[in-house]
Amino acid sequence: MTERELQNNIESLLQDTSLDASQKTLLSRSIAASTKDLISQEGLRNRLQILFEYEKHCLTTIKEYKEEIKFAASLQEDLRRERSQFFTQTLKEVSTTLKQAEVDSETVSEWTKELVKSYTTSLNLSSDLAKTHITDMMGNIREDAKTEVSTVGKGEEE
């Protein structure tokens, strides 16, 4: 309700009193001004309560999915570490071993290319599976959050 609407309502209530017009206007403005703060504080209190409930639900949801979130982060970290280790250590070891075995350099080159290609494909598949898992988990979290938002919104209307 706006301040003007409130003032109009008060003025309509004061019409049957024996006050003159200027006194009625002054009284209605005074009442409207003093109740305006109370009304806006109550509205603010309601909005803050809704925000509090929403944030509380978000924190509860995060706590509920804490292990899944840790698992997803761990998966991504493991994949990055494995990719890094392959290109910094494993590939060198394979190349050194093939050279020590005196395998033809052209064969070493072909085998190395094939190894990099198949290993990269394998890591990409693992990464895609992790992304799919993470996307599904995020979808579940969003659904929980949407459910809470609609519940909080209904609570406001009541």
N, C-alpha and C. Protein backbone atom coordinates (compact mmCIF):
# COMPACT_ATOMS: atom_id res chain seq x y z
N MET A 1 0.86 -1.17 0.00
CA MET A 1 0.00 0.00 0.00
C MET A 1 0.90 1.23 0.00
N THR A 2 0.59 2.18 -0.86
CA THR A 2 1.38 3.41 -0.93
C THR A 2 0.96 4.36 0.18
N GLU A 3 1.81 5.33 0.41
CA GLU A 3 1.51 6.33 1.44
C GLU A 3 0.23 7.09 1.09
N ARG A 4 0.06 7.42 -0.16
CA ARG A 4 -1.13 8.17 -0.60
C ARG A 4 -2.40 7.34 -0.38
N GLU A 5 -2.35 6.03 -0.72
CA GLU A 5 -3.50 5.15 -0.50
C GLU A 5 -3.84 5.06 0.99
N LEU A 6 -2.82 4.96 1.80
CA LEU A 6 -3.02 4.91 3.24
C LEU A 6 -3.67 6.19 3.74
N GLN A 7 -3.17 7.31 3.27
CA GLN A 7 -3.73 8.61 3.68
C GLN A 7 -5.19 8.73 3.24
N ASN A 8 -5.51 8.31 2.04
CA ASN A 8 -6.90 8.34 1.55
C ASN A 8 -7.81 7.47 2.42
N ASN A 9 -7.33 6.29 2.80
CA ASN A 9 -8.13 5.41 3.66
C ASN A 9 -8.38 6.05 5.02
N ILE A 10 -7.36 6.67 5.57
CA ILE A 10 -7.51 7.34 6.86
C ILE A 10 -8.49 8.50 6.74
N GLU A 11 -8.38 9.28 5.67
CA GLU A 11 -9.29 10.41 5.46
C GLU A 11 -10.73 9.94 5.35
N SER A 12 -10.94 8.83 4.67
CA SER A 12 -12.32 8.33 4.55
C SER A 12 -12.86 7.88 5.90
N LEU A 13 -11.99 7.37 6.78
CA LEU A 13 -12.42 6.99 8.12
C LEU A 13 -12.74 8.21 8.98
N LEU A 14 -12.06 9.30 8.72
CA LEU A 14 -12.23 10.51 9.52
C LEU A 14 -13.39 11.40 9.03
N GLN A 15 -14.04 11.05 7.96
CA GLN A 15 -15.11 11.89 7.40
C GLN A 15 -16.28 12.11 8.36
N ASP A 16 -16.58 11.11 9.16
CA ASP A 16 -17.74 11.22 10.06
C ASP A 16 -17.41 11.91 11.39
N THR A 17 -16.20 12.40 11.53
CA THR A 17 -15.84 13.08 12.78
C THR A 17 -16.20 14.55 12.70
N SER A 18 -16.17 15.21 13.84
CA SER A 18 -16.55 16.63 13.90
C SER A 18 -15.38 17.57 13.67
N LEU A 19 -14.28 17.05 13.17
CA LEU A 19 -13.11 17.89 12.90
C LEU A 19 -13.31 18.65 11.60
N ASP A 20 -12.67 19.86 11.51
CA ASP A 20 -12.76 20.58 10.24
C ASP A 20 -11.77 19.96 9.24
N ALA A 21 -11.87 20.36 7.99
CA ALA A 21 -11.10 19.76 6.89
C ALA A 21 -9.60 19.83 7.12
N SER A 22 -9.10 20.97 7.57
CA SER A 22 -7.65 21.10 7.77
C SER A 22 -7.17 20.19 8.90
N GLN A 23 -7.96 20.03 9.95
CA GLN A 23 -7.60 19.15 11.06
C GLN A 23 -7.62 17.69 10.60
N LYS A 24 -8.61 17.33 9.80
CA LYS A 24 -8.69 15.96 9.27
C LYS A 24 -7.47 15.65 8.41
N THR A 25 -7.10 16.59 7.54
CA THR A 25 -5.95 16.40 6.66
C THR A 25 -4.68 16.25 7.48
N LEU A 26 -4.51 17.14 8.46
CA LEU A 26 -3.33 17.10 9.32
C LEU A 26 -3.27 15.79 10.09
N LEU A 27 -4.37 15.36 10.66
CA LEU A 27 -4.42 14.11 11.42
C LEU A 27 -4.15 12.91 10.52
N SER A 28 -4.76 12.89 9.33
CA SER A 28 -4.56 11.76 8.42
C SER A 28 -3.11 11.67 7.96
N ARG A 29 -2.49 12.83 7.69
CA ARG A 29 -1.07 12.84 7.29
C ARG A 29 -0.20 12.34 8.44
N SER A 30 -0.51 12.76 9.64
CA SER A 30 0.27 12.35 10.80
C SER A 30 0.16 10.84 11.03
N ILE A 31 -1.07 10.33 10.97
CA ILE A 31 -1.27 8.88 11.15
C ILE A 31 -0.58 8.11 10.02
N ALA A 32 -0.73 8.59 8.80
CA ALA A 32 -0.10 7.91 7.65
C ALA A 32 1.41 7.90 7.79
N ALA A 33 1.98 9.01 8.21
CA ALA A 33 3.44 9.09 8.35
C ALA A 33 3.94 8.15 9.44
N SER A 34 3.22 8.09 10.55
CA SER A 34 3.68 7.23 11.65
C SER A 34 3.48 5.75 11.35
N THR A 35 2.44 5.40 10.61
CA THR A 35 2.21 3.99 10.29
C THR A 35 2.99 3.54 9.06
N LYS A 36 3.42 4.48 8.25
CA LYS A 36 4.19 4.13 7.04
C LYS A 36 5.45 3.35 7.41
N ASP A 37 6.16 3.84 8.43
CA ASP A 37 7.38 3.16 8.85
C ASP A 37 7.07 1.76 9.37
N LEU A 38 5.99 1.62 10.12
CA LEU A 38 5.63 0.31 10.64
C LEU A 38 5.29 -0.66 9.51
N ILE A 39 4.55 -0.17 8.52
CA ILE A 39 4.17 -1.02 7.39
C ILE A 39 5.41 -1.40 6.58
N SER A 40 6.27 -0.44 6.31
CA SER A 40 7.46 -0.75 5.51
C SER A 40 8.42 -1.64 6.29
N GLN A 41 8.48 -1.50 7.61
CA GLN A 41 9.33 -2.37 8.42
C GLN A 41 8.81 -3.80 8.41
N GLU A 42 7.49 -3.94 8.48
CA GLU A 42 6.90 -5.27 8.44
C GLU A 42 7.16 -5.93 7.08
N GLY A 43 7.01 -5.15 6.02
CA GLY A 43 7.30 -5.69 4.69
C GLY A 43 8.76 -6.08 4.56
N LEU A 44 9.63 -5.24 5.08
CA LEU A 44 11.06 -5.53 5.05
C LEU A 44 11.36 -6.77 5.88
N ARG A 45 10.73 -6.87 7.03
CA ARG A 45 10.92 -8.03 7.89
C ARG A 45 10.49 -9.30 7.16
N ASN A 46 9.36 -9.24 6.46
CA ASN A 46 8.89 -10.40 5.70
C ASN A 46 9.86 -10.78 4.59
N ARG A 47 10.34 -9.78 3.88
CA ARG A 47 11.30 -10.05 2.79
C ARG A 47 12.60 -10.64 3.35
N LEU A 48 13.07 -10.08 4.46
CA LEU A 48 14.30 -10.61 5.08
C LEU A 48 14.09 -12.04 5.56
N GLN A 49 12.92 -12.33 6.06
CA GLN A 49 12.63 -13.69 6.52
C GLN A 49 12.66 -14.66 5.34
N ILE A 50 12.08 -14.23 4.22
CA ILE A 50 12.10 -15.07 3.02
C ILE A 50 13.54 -15.28 2.56
N LEU A 51 14.32 -14.21 2.53
CA LEU A 51 15.72 -14.32 2.12
C LEU A 51 16.48 -15.24 3.08
N PHE A 52 16.23 -15.08 4.37
CA PHE A 52 16.89 -15.92 5.36
C PHE A 52 16.55 -17.39 5.13
N GLU A 53 15.28 -17.68 4.92
CA GLU A 53 14.85 -19.07 4.70
C GLU A 53 15.47 -19.64 3.42
N TYR A 54 15.55 -18.82 2.39
CA TYR A 54 16.15 -19.27 1.13
C TYR A 54 17.64 -19.57 1.33
N GLU A 55 18.35 -18.64 1.97
CA GLU A 55 19.78 -18.84 2.21
C GLU A 55 20.01 -20.05 3.12
N LYS A 56 19.16 -20.21 4.11
CA LYS A 56 19.26 -21.36 5.01
C LYS A 56 19.10 -22.66 4.21
N HIS A 57 18.12 -22.66 3.31
CA HIS A 57 17.92 -23.84 2.48
C HIS A 57 19.12 -24.10 1.58
N CYS A 58 19.67 -23.03 1.00
CA CYS A 58 20.86 -23.20 0.14
C CYS A 58 22.00 -23.82 0.92
N LEU A 59 22.25 -23.33 2.12
CA LEU A 59 23.33 -23.88 2.94
C LEU A 59 23.04 -25.33 3.33
N THR A 60 21.79 -25.62 3.64
CA THR A 60 21.42 -26.99 3.97
C THR A 60 21.62 -27.90 2.76
N THR A 61 21.24 -27.40 1.59
CA THR A 61 21.41 -28.19 0.36
C THR A 61 22.88 -28.45 0.09
N ILE A 62 23.70 -27.43 0.25
CA ILE A 62 25.14 -27.60 0.04
C ILE A 62 25.69 -28.62 1.03
N LYS A 63 25.25 -28.51 2.28
CA LYS A 63 25.69 -29.46 3.30
C LYS A 63 25.25 -30.88 2.93
N GLU A 64 24.01 -31.00 2.44
CA GLU A 64 23.47 -32.29 2.04
C GLU A 64 24.27 -32.90 0.89
N TYR A 65 24.70 -32.07 -0.04
CA TYR A 65 25.44 -32.55 -1.21
C TYR A 65 26.96 -32.39 -1.04
N LYS A 66 27.40 -32.15 0.17
CA LYS A 66 28.82 -31.88 0.43
C LYS A 66 29.72 -32.98 -0.11
N GLU A 67 29.38 -34.21 0.18
CA GLU A 67 30.22 -35.33 -0.27
C GLU A 67 30.23 -35.45 -1.79
N GLU A 68 29.08 -35.23 -2.42
CA GLU A 68 29.03 -35.29 -3.88
C GLU A 68 29.85 -34.17 -4.50
N ILE A 69 29.80 -32.99 -3.89
CA ILE A 69 30.58 -31.85 -4.39
C ILE A 69 32.06 -32.14 -4.25
N LYS A 70 32.46 -32.69 -3.10
CA LYS A 70 33.87 -33.07 -2.91
C LYS A 70 34.30 -34.13 -3.92
N PHE A 71 33.41 -35.09 -4.16
CA PHE A 71 33.72 -36.15 -5.11
C PHE A 71 33.91 -35.59 -6.51
N ALA A 72 33.03 -34.67 -6.91
CA ALA A 72 33.14 -34.07 -8.25
C ALA A 72 34.43 -33.28 -8.37
N ALA A 73 34.77 -32.52 -7.35
CA ALA A 73 36.02 -31.74 -7.37
C ALA A 73 37.22 -32.68 -7.41
N SER A 74 37.14 -33.76 -6.67
CA SER A 74 38.21 -34.75 -6.64
C SER A 74 38.39 -35.41 -8.01
N LEU A 75 37.26 -35.73 -8.66
CA LEU A 75 37.33 -36.32 -10.00
C LEU A 75 38.05 -35.40 -10.98
N GLN A 76 37.64 -34.13 -10.96
CA GLN A 76 38.26 -33.17 -11.87
C GLN A 76 39.76 -33.01 -11.57
N GLU A 77 40.09 -32.95 -10.30
CA GLU A 77 41.49 -32.80 -9.91
C GLU A 77 42.30 -34.03 -10.34
N ASP A 78 41.75 -35.22 -10.13
CA ASP A 78 42.44 -36.45 -10.53
C ASP A 78 42.67 -36.50 -12.04
N LEU A 79 41.66 -36.09 -12.79
CA LEU A 79 41.81 -36.09 -14.25
C LEU A 79 42.90 -35.11 -14.70
N ARG A 80 42.90 -33.91 -14.10
CA ARG A 80 43.96 -32.94 -14.45
C ARG A 80 45.34 -33.47 -14.08
N ARG A 81 45.44 -34.08 -12.91
CA ARG A 81 46.73 -34.62 -12.45
C ARG A 81 47.19 -35.75 -13.37
N GLU A 82 46.24 -36.64 -13.72
CA GLU A 82 46.58 -37.77 -14.59
C GLU A 82 47.04 -37.28 -15.97
N ARG A 83 46.32 -36.29 -16.50
CA ARG A 83 46.70 -35.74 -17.81
C ARG A 83 48.10 -35.13 -17.74
N SER A 84 48.33 -34.36 -16.70
CA SER A 84 49.63 -33.71 -16.53
C SER A 84 50.75 -34.75 -16.36
N GLN A 85 50.48 -35.75 -15.53
CA GLN A 85 51.49 -36.78 -15.28
C GLN A 85 51.80 -37.57 -16.56
N PHE A 86 50.78 -37.83 -17.35
CA PHE A 86 51.01 -38.57 -18.59
C PHE A 86 51.97 -37.81 -19.50
N PHE A 87 51.71 -36.52 -19.69
CA PHE A 87 52.53 -35.76 -20.63
C PHE A 87 53.90 -35.36 -20.06
N THR A 88 54.01 -35.27 -18.73
CA THR A 88 55.31 -34.87 -18.17
C THR A 88 56.19 -36.06 -17.79
N GLN A 89 55.59 -37.20 -17.40
CA GLN A 89 56.41 -38.33 -16.93
C GLN A 89 56.24 -39.59 -17.79
N THR A 90 55.03 -40.05 -17.89
CA THR A 90 54.77 -41.34 -18.54
C THR A 90 55.27 -41.35 -19.98
N LEU A 91 54.98 -40.31 -20.72
CA LEU A 91 55.39 -40.25 -22.13
C LEU A 91 56.92 -40.28 -22.25
N LYS A 92 57.60 -39.58 -21.34
CA LYS A 92 59.07 -39.59 -21.34
C LYS A 92 59.60 -41.00 -21.05
N GLU A 93 58.97 -41.66 -20.06
CA GLU A 93 59.41 -43.01 -19.70
C GLU A 93 59.22 -43.98 -20.86
N VAL A 94 58.09 -43.88 -21.53
CA VAL A 94 57.81 -44.77 -22.67
C VAL A 94 58.83 -44.51 -23.78
N SER A 95 59.06 -43.25 -24.06
CA SER A 95 60.01 -42.89 -25.11
C SER A 95 61.42 -43.38 -24.77
N THR A 96 61.83 -43.19 -23.53
CA THR A 96 63.17 -43.63 -23.08
C THR A 96 63.27 -45.15 -23.17
N THR A 97 62.24 -45.85 -22.73
CA THR A 97 62.25 -47.31 -22.76
C THR A 97 62.34 -47.83 -24.19
N LEU A 98 61.60 -47.22 -25.10
CA LEU A 98 61.65 -47.65 -26.50
C LEU A 98 63.01 -47.38 -27.12
N LYS A 99 63.61 -46.25 -26.77
CA LYS A 99 64.95 -45.94 -27.30
C LYS A 99 65.98 -46.90 -26.74
N GLN A 100 65.87 -47.24 -25.45
CA GLN A 100 66.81 -48.19 -24.83
C GLN A 100 66.66 -49.58 -25.43
N ALA A 101 65.46 -49.91 -25.86
CA ALA A 101 65.22 -51.20 -26.49
C ALA A 101 65.63 -51.17 -27.95
N GLU A 102 66.16 -50.05 -28.38
CA GLU A 102 66.67 -49.85 -29.74
C GLU A 102 65.61 -50.13 -30.81
N VAL A 103 64.40 -49.63 -30.50
CA VAL A 103 63.31 -49.72 -31.48
C VAL A 103 63.54 -48.61 -32.50
N ASP A 104 63.23 -48.91 -33.73
CA ASP A 104 63.41 -47.96 -34.83
C ASP A 104 62.71 -46.63 -34.50
N SER A 105 63.35 -45.49 -34.77
CA SER A 105 62.82 -44.18 -34.42
C SER A 105 61.47 -43.89 -35.11
N GLU A 106 61.32 -44.38 -36.31
CA GLU A 106 60.04 -44.19 -37.01
C GLU A 106 58.93 -44.96 -36.31
N THR A 107 59.22 -46.15 -35.87
CA THR A 107 58.25 -46.98 -35.14
C THR A 107 57.93 -46.33 -33.79
N VAL A 108 58.98 -45.82 -33.12
CA VAL A 108 58.79 -45.12 -31.84
C VAL A 108 57.85 -43.94 -32.04
N SER A 109 58.07 -43.20 -33.10
CA SER A 109 57.25 -42.04 -33.39
C SER A 109 55.79 -42.43 -33.62
N GLU A 110 55.56 -43.47 -34.41
CA GLU A 110 54.20 -43.94 -34.69
C GLU A 110 53.52 -44.44 -33.41
N TRP A 111 54.25 -45.24 -32.63
CA TRP A 111 53.69 -45.78 -31.39
C TRP A 111 53.36 -44.64 -30.42
N THR A 112 54.25 -43.66 -30.36
CA THR A 112 54.04 -42.53 -29.45
C THR A 112 52.81 -41.73 -29.87
N LYS A 113 52.69 -41.47 -31.16
CA LYS A 113 51.50 -40.76 -31.65
C LYS A 113 50.23 -41.53 -31.32
N GLU A 114 50.23 -42.83 -31.55
CA GLU A 114 49.07 -43.66 -31.28
C GLU A 114 48.75 -43.69 -29.78
N LEU A 115 49.80 -43.79 -28.96
CA LEU A 115 49.62 -43.79 -27.51
C LEU A 115 49.00 -42.47 -27.04
N VAL A 116 49.53 -41.35 -27.53
CA VAL A 116 49.00 -40.04 -27.16
C VAL A 116 47.55 -39.91 -27.60
N LYS A 117 47.27 -40.37 -28.80
CA LYS A 117 45.90 -40.27 -29.33
C LYS A 117 44.93 -41.10 -28.49
N SER A 118 45.26 -42.35 -28.22
CA SER A 118 44.34 -43.22 -27.47
C SER A 118 44.23 -42.79 -26.01
N TYR A 119 45.33 -42.35 -25.42
CA TYR A 119 45.29 -41.91 -24.02
C TYR A 119 44.49 -40.61 -23.89
N THR A 120 44.67 -39.70 -24.83
CA THR A 120 43.92 -38.45 -24.82
C THR A 120 42.43 -38.73 -24.99
N THR A 121 42.09 -39.65 -25.88
CA THR A 121 40.69 -40.04 -26.08
C THR A 121 40.12 -40.62 -24.78
N SER A 122 40.89 -41.47 -24.13
CA SER A 122 40.45 -42.06 -22.87
C SER A 122 40.23 -41.00 -21.80
N LEU A 123 41.16 -40.07 -21.68
CA LEU A 123 41.01 -38.99 -20.69
C LEU A 123 39.82 -38.09 -21.02
N ASN A 124 39.61 -37.82 -22.31
CA ASN A 124 38.47 -37.01 -22.71
C ASN A 124 37.14 -37.69 -22.37
N LEU A 125 37.08 -39.03 -22.56
CA LEU A 125 35.87 -39.77 -22.19
C LEU A 125 35.64 -39.71 -20.69
N SER A 126 36.71 -39.89 -19.93
CA SER A 126 36.59 -39.79 -18.47
C SER A 126 36.13 -38.40 -18.05
N SER A 127 36.68 -37.40 -18.70
CA SER A 127 36.31 -36.02 -18.41
C SER A 127 34.83 -35.77 -18.74
N ASP A 128 34.38 -36.31 -19.88
CA ASP A 128 32.97 -36.16 -20.27
C ASP A 128 32.04 -36.85 -19.27
N LEU A 129 32.45 -38.03 -18.79
CA LEU A 129 31.64 -38.73 -17.79
C LEU A 129 31.56 -37.92 -16.49
N ALA A 130 32.70 -37.33 -16.10
CA ALA A 130 32.72 -36.50 -14.89
C ALA A 130 31.82 -35.28 -15.08
N LYS A 131 31.90 -34.65 -16.25
CA LYS A 131 31.04 -33.48 -16.51
C LYS A 131 29.57 -33.86 -16.46
N THR A 132 29.23 -35.01 -17.02
CA THR A 132 27.85 -35.47 -17.00
C THR A 132 27.38 -35.68 -15.56
N HIS A 133 28.23 -36.32 -14.76
CA HIS A 133 27.89 -36.54 -13.35
C HIS A 133 27.69 -35.21 -12.63
N ILE A 134 28.59 -34.27 -12.86
CA ILE A 134 28.52 -32.96 -12.21
C ILE A 134 27.28 -32.21 -12.67
N THR A 135 26.99 -32.27 -13.96
CA THR A 135 25.79 -31.60 -14.49
C THR A 135 24.53 -32.18 -13.88
N ASP A 136 24.47 -33.51 -13.76
CA ASP A 136 23.31 -34.15 -13.13
C ASP A 136 23.17 -33.73 -11.68
N MET A 137 24.29 -33.70 -10.98
CA MET A 137 24.27 -33.31 -9.57
C MET A 137 23.80 -31.86 -9.43
N MET A 138 24.29 -30.98 -10.30
CA MET A 138 23.87 -29.58 -10.24
C MET A 138 22.38 -29.46 -10.55
N GLY A 139 21.88 -30.28 -11.44
CA GLY A 139 20.45 -30.29 -11.73
C GLY A 139 19.64 -30.67 -10.50
N ASN A 140 20.12 -31.65 -9.75
CA ASN A 140 19.43 -32.05 -8.51
C ASN A 140 19.44 -30.91 -7.50
N ILE A 141 20.58 -30.26 -7.37
CA ILE A 141 20.68 -29.14 -6.43
C ILE A 141 19.74 -28.01 -6.84
N ARG A 142 19.70 -27.70 -8.13
CA ARG A 142 18.80 -26.66 -8.63
C ARG A 142 17.34 -27.01 -8.36
N GLU A 143 16.97 -28.27 -8.59
CA GLU A 143 15.60 -28.71 -8.33
C GLU A 143 15.24 -28.52 -6.86
N ASP A 144 16.17 -28.89 -5.98
CA ASP A 144 15.93 -28.69 -4.55
C ASP A 144 15.74 -27.21 -4.25
N ALA A 145 16.59 -26.37 -4.85
CA ALA A 145 16.50 -24.93 -4.61
C ALA A 145 15.18 -24.37 -5.15
N LYS A 146 14.75 -24.82 -6.33
CA LYS A 146 13.48 -24.35 -6.90
C LYS A 146 12.31 -24.75 -6.02
N THR A 147 12.36 -25.96 -5.50
CA THR A 147 11.30 -26.43 -4.61
C THR A 147 11.21 -25.52 -3.40
N GLU A 148 12.35 -25.17 -2.83
CA GLU A 148 12.35 -24.31 -1.65
C GLU A 148 11.87 -22.91 -2.00
N VAL A 149 12.27 -22.38 -3.15
CA VAL A 149 11.83 -21.05 -3.56
C VAL A 149 10.31 -21.01 -3.68
N SER A 150 9.73 -22.03 -4.28
CA SER A 150 8.27 -22.03 -4.43
C SER A 150 7.60 -22.19 -3.07
N THR A 151 8.21 -22.95 -2.16
CA THR A 151 7.65 -23.11 -0.82
C THR A 151 7.71 -21.80 -0.05
N VAL A 152 8.85 -21.11 -0.14
CA VAL A 152 9.00 -19.83 0.55
C VAL A 152 8.04 -18.82 -0.04
N GLY A 153 7.90 -18.80 -1.36
CA GLY A 153 6.97 -17.86 -2.02
C GLY A 153 5.53 -18.09 -1.57
N LYS A 154 5.14 -19.35 -1.39
CA LYS A 154 3.78 -19.65 -0.92
C LYS A 154 3.61 -19.18 0.52
N GLY A 155 4.66 -19.32 1.31
CA GLY A 155 4.60 -18.88 2.70
C GLY A 155 4.37 -17.38 2.78
N GLU A 156 4.91 -16.61 1.83
CA GLU A 156 4.76 -15.16 1.81
C GLU A 156 3.32 -14.78 1.50
N GLU A 157 2.68 -15.54 0.61
CA GLU A 157 1.32 -15.21 0.18
C GLU A 157 0.31 -15.47 1.27
N GLU A 158 0.59 -16.41 2.17
CA GLU A 158 -0.39 -16.79 3.20
C GLU A 158 -0.57 -15.76 4.25
